[in-house]
Amino acid sequence: MIDIEPHYLMGLDYLLQDFLLRGDNRRKIHLIAKYILKQAGTKNYIIFKKLPKELAEKYEGKYYNSGNWRDSGDAYKQIDEIIAPFDVNAVFYPKALEAIKKQL
């Protein structure tokens, strides 16, 4: 999902230092940060990915594999081209980028 990753970074200030110092946790947070930076650096808007070809054919090629965190994937089945909702593009990703910058 494209909208859960920013939440991990937006909450870094609330995590215990002990949690952050564990190697595996740091590695996972680093991977999430790399994903966010890649998305932010390569796209003007975060865009939902289409279903794999075999599933798209079943649904006439129109469907996307995810919706917003509060919506099911079914919420977007009538839309041909969909970008992420406002909160993902205008709030979550910028806040996640601020969190990454703060940790540098």
C-alpha atoms as a PDB file:
ATOM      1  CA  MET A   1       0.000   0.000   0.000  1.00  0.00           C
ATOM      2  CA  ILE A   2       1.168   3.489  -0.719  1.00  0.00           C
ATOM      3  CA  ASP A   3      -0.396   5.172   2.263  1.00  0.00           C
ATOM      4  CA  ILE A   4       0.845   3.109   5.215  1.00  0.00           C
ATOM      5  CA  GLU A   5       4.583   3.623   4.710  1.00  0.00           C
ATOM      6  CA  PRO A   6       4.528   7.362   5.498  1.00  0.00           C
ATOM      7  CA  HIS A   7       2.798   6.641   8.800  1.00  0.00           C
ATOM      8  CA  TYR A   8       5.783   4.639  10.018  1.00  0.00           C
ATOM      9  CA  LEU A   9       8.060   7.622   9.491  1.00  0.00           C
ATOM     10  CA  MET A  10       5.602  10.215  10.756  1.00  0.00           C
ATOM     11  CA  GLY A  11       5.561   8.387  14.091  1.00  0.00           C
ATOM     12  CA  LEU A  12       9.323   8.146  14.638  1.00  0.00           C
ATOM     13  CA  ASP A  13       9.301  10.825  17.351  1.00  0.00           C
ATOM     14  CA  TYR A  14       6.939   8.672  19.391  1.00  0.00           C
ATOM     15  CA  LEU A  15       9.010   5.496  19.352  1.00  0.00           C
ATOM     16  CA  LEU A  16      11.241   4.494  22.224  1.00  0.00           C
ATOM     17  CA  GLN A  17      14.963   4.881  21.647  1.00  0.00           C
ATOM     18  CA  ASP A  18      15.430   1.217  22.557  1.00  0.00           C
ATOM     19  CA  PHE A  19      13.147   0.247  19.691  1.00  0.00           C
ATOM     20  CA  LEU A  20      15.010   2.468  17.239  1.00  0.00           C
ATOM     21  CA  LEU A  21      18.412   1.124  18.284  1.00  0.00           C
ATOM     22  CA  ARG A  22      17.552  -2.484  17.478  1.00  0.00           C
ATOM     23  CA  GLY A  23      19.324  -3.351  14.245  1.00  0.00           C
ATOM     24  CA  ASP A  24      16.445  -5.072  12.503  1.00  0.00           C
ATOM     25  CA  ASN A  25      14.046  -2.232  13.296  1.00  0.00           C
ATOM     26  CA  ARG A  26      16.517   0.358  11.983  1.00  0.00           C
ATOM     27  CA  ARG A  27      16.990  -1.680   8.803  1.00  0.00           C
ATOM     28  CA  LYS A  28      13.232  -1.825   8.199  1.00  0.00           C
ATOM     29  CA  ILE A  29      12.778   1.897   8.847  1.00  0.00           C
ATOM     30  CA  HIS A  30      15.669   2.570   6.472  1.00  0.00           C
ATOM     31  CA  LEU A  31      13.959   0.502   3.757  1.00  0.00           C
ATOM     32  CA  ILE A  32      10.718   2.415   4.275  1.00  0.00           C
ATOM     33  CA  ALA A  33      12.573   5.731   4.056  1.00  0.00           C
ATOM     34  CA  LYS A  34      14.248   4.637   0.810  1.00  0.00           C
ATOM     35  CA  TYR A  35      10.852   3.704  -0.638  1.00  0.00           C
ATOM     36  CA  ILE A  36       9.355   7.086   0.310  1.00  0.00           C
ATOM     37  CA  LEU A  37      12.315   8.960  -1.161  1.00  0.00           C
ATOM     38  CA  LYS A  38      12.095   6.961  -4.385  1.00  0.00           C
ATOM     39  CA  GLN A  39       8.365   7.627  -4.722  1.00  0.00           C
ATOM     40  CA  ALA A  40       8.782  11.312  -3.943  1.00  0.00           C
ATOM     41  CA  GLY A  41      11.705  11.701  -6.335  1.00  0.00           C
ATOM     42  CA  THR A  42      10.183   9.999  -9.360  1.00  0.00           C
ATOM     43  CA  LYS A  43       6.550  11.099  -9.385  1.00  0.00           C
ATOM     44  CA  ASN A  44       4.584  14.308  -9.181  1.00  0.00           C
ATOM     45  CA  TYR A  45       1.719  12.389  -7.645  1.00  0.00           C
ATOM     46  CA  ILE A  46       1.662   8.982  -6.034  1.00  0.00           C
ATOM     47  CA  ILE A  47      -0.334   6.756  -8.387  1.00  0.00           C
ATOM     48  CA  PHE A  48      -2.100   3.503  -7.659  1.00  0.00           C
ATOM     49  CA  LYS A  49      -0.782   0.527  -9.610  1.00  0.00           C
ATOM     50  CA  LYS A  50      -3.086  -1.419 -11.890  1.00  0.00           C
ATOM     51  CA  LEU A  51      -3.885  -5.014 -11.102  1.00  0.00           C
ATOM     52  CA  PRO A  52      -1.646  -7.699 -12.621  1.00  0.00           C
ATOM     53  CA  LYS A  53      -2.640  -8.482 -16.217  1.00  0.00           C
ATOM     54  CA  GLU A  54      -4.491 -11.721 -15.442  1.00  0.00           C
ATOM     55  CA  LEU A  55      -6.662 -10.007 -12.827  1.00  0.00           C
ATOM     56  CA  ALA A  56      -7.115  -6.858 -14.888  1.00  0.00           C
ATOM     57  CA  GLU A  57      -8.477  -8.948 -17.772  1.00  0.00           C
ATOM     58  CA  LYS A  58     -10.998 -10.492 -15.409  1.00  0.00           C
ATOM     59  CA  TYR A  59     -12.174  -6.984 -14.499  1.00  0.00           C
ATOM     60  CA  GLU A  60     -11.864  -5.528 -18.019  1.00  0.00           C
ATOM     61  CA  GLY A  61      -8.510  -3.902 -17.243  1.00  0.00           C
ATOM     62  CA  LYS A  62      -9.926  -0.974 -15.285  1.00  0.00           C
ATOM     63  CA  TYR A  63      -9.236  -1.878 -11.719  1.00  0.00           C
ATOM     64  CA  TYR A  64      -6.540  -0.782  -9.335  1.00  0.00           C
ATOM     65  CA  ASN A  65      -5.157  -2.806  -6.470  1.00  0.00           C
ATOM     66  CA  SER A  66      -5.686  -0.449  -3.569  1.00  0.00           C
ATOM     67  CA  GLY A  67      -7.643   2.440  -2.234  1.00  0.00           C
ATOM     68  CA  ASN A  68      -7.110   4.814   0.587  1.00  0.00           C
ATOM     69  CA  TRP A  69      -6.456   3.393   4.048  1.00  0.00           C
ATOM     70  CA  ARG A  70     -10.090   3.933   4.987  1.00  0.00           C
ATOM     71  CA  ASP A  71     -11.460   2.535   1.739  1.00  0.00           C
ATOM     72  CA  SER A  72     -11.447  -0.880   0.197  1.00  0.00           C
ATOM     73  CA  GLY A  73     -10.025  -1.558  -3.235  1.00  0.00           C
ATOM     74  CA  ASP A  74     -13.641  -1.707  -4.413  1.00  0.00           C
ATOM     75  CA  ALA A  75     -13.980   2.030  -3.880  1.00  0.00           C
ATOM     76  CA  TYR A  76     -12.013   2.760  -7.042  1.00  0.00           C
ATOM     77  CA  LYS A  77     -13.383   0.213  -9.503  1.00  0.00           C
ATOM     78  CA  GLN A  78     -15.190   2.765 -11.670  1.00  0.00           C
ATOM     79  CA  ILE A  79     -12.192   5.061 -12.184  1.00  0.00           C
ATOM     80  CA  ASP A  80      -9.885   4.655 -15.169  1.00  0.00           C
ATOM     81  CA  GLU A  81      -6.903   6.724 -14.008  1.00  0.00           C
ATOM     82  CA  ILE A  82      -6.530   7.237 -10.276  1.00  0.00           C
ATOM     83  CA  ILE A  83      -3.992   9.089  -8.243  1.00  0.00           C
ATOM     84  CA  ALA A  84      -3.759   8.714  -4.512  1.00  0.00           C
ATOM     85  CA  PRO A  85      -6.229  10.699  -2.410  1.00  0.00           C
ATOM     86  CA  PHE A  86      -5.380  14.170  -1.166  1.00  0.00           C
ATOM     87  CA  ASP A  87      -4.162  12.997   2.231  1.00  0.00           C
ATOM     88  CA  VAL A  88      -1.522  10.711   0.707  1.00  0.00           C
ATOM     89  CA  ASN A  89      -0.142  13.209  -1.792  1.00  0.00           C
ATOM     90  CA  ALA A  90      -0.549  16.440   0.141  1.00  0.00           C
ATOM     91  CA  VAL A  91      -0.152  15.376   3.757  1.00  0.00           C
ATOM     92  CA  PHE A  92       1.351  11.943   4.396  1.00  0.00           C
ATOM     93  CA  TYR A  93       4.271  11.999   1.948  1.00  0.00           C
ATOM     94  CA  PRO A  94       5.390  15.569   2.755  1.00  0.00           C
ATOM     95  CA  LYS A  95       5.216  14.810   6.489  1.00  0.00           C
ATOM     96  CA  ALA A  96       7.189  11.596   5.971  1.00  0.00           C
ATOM     97  CA  LEU A  97       9.832  13.542   4.033  1.00  0.00           C
ATOM     98  CA  GLU A  98      10.053  16.049   6.893  1.00  0.00           C
ATOM     99  CA  ALA A  99      10.573  13.142   9.311  1.00  0.00           C
ATOM    100  CA  ILE A 100      13.373  11.755   7.138  1.00  0.00           C
ATOM    101  CA  LYS A 101      15.058  15.179   6.963  1.00  0.00           C
ATOM    102  CA  LYS A 102      14.800  15.559  10.736  1.00  0.00           C
ATOM    103  CA  GLN A 103      16.654  12.252  11.247  1.00  0.00           C
ATOM    104  CA  LEU A 104      19.582  13.217   9.003  1.00  0.00           C
END
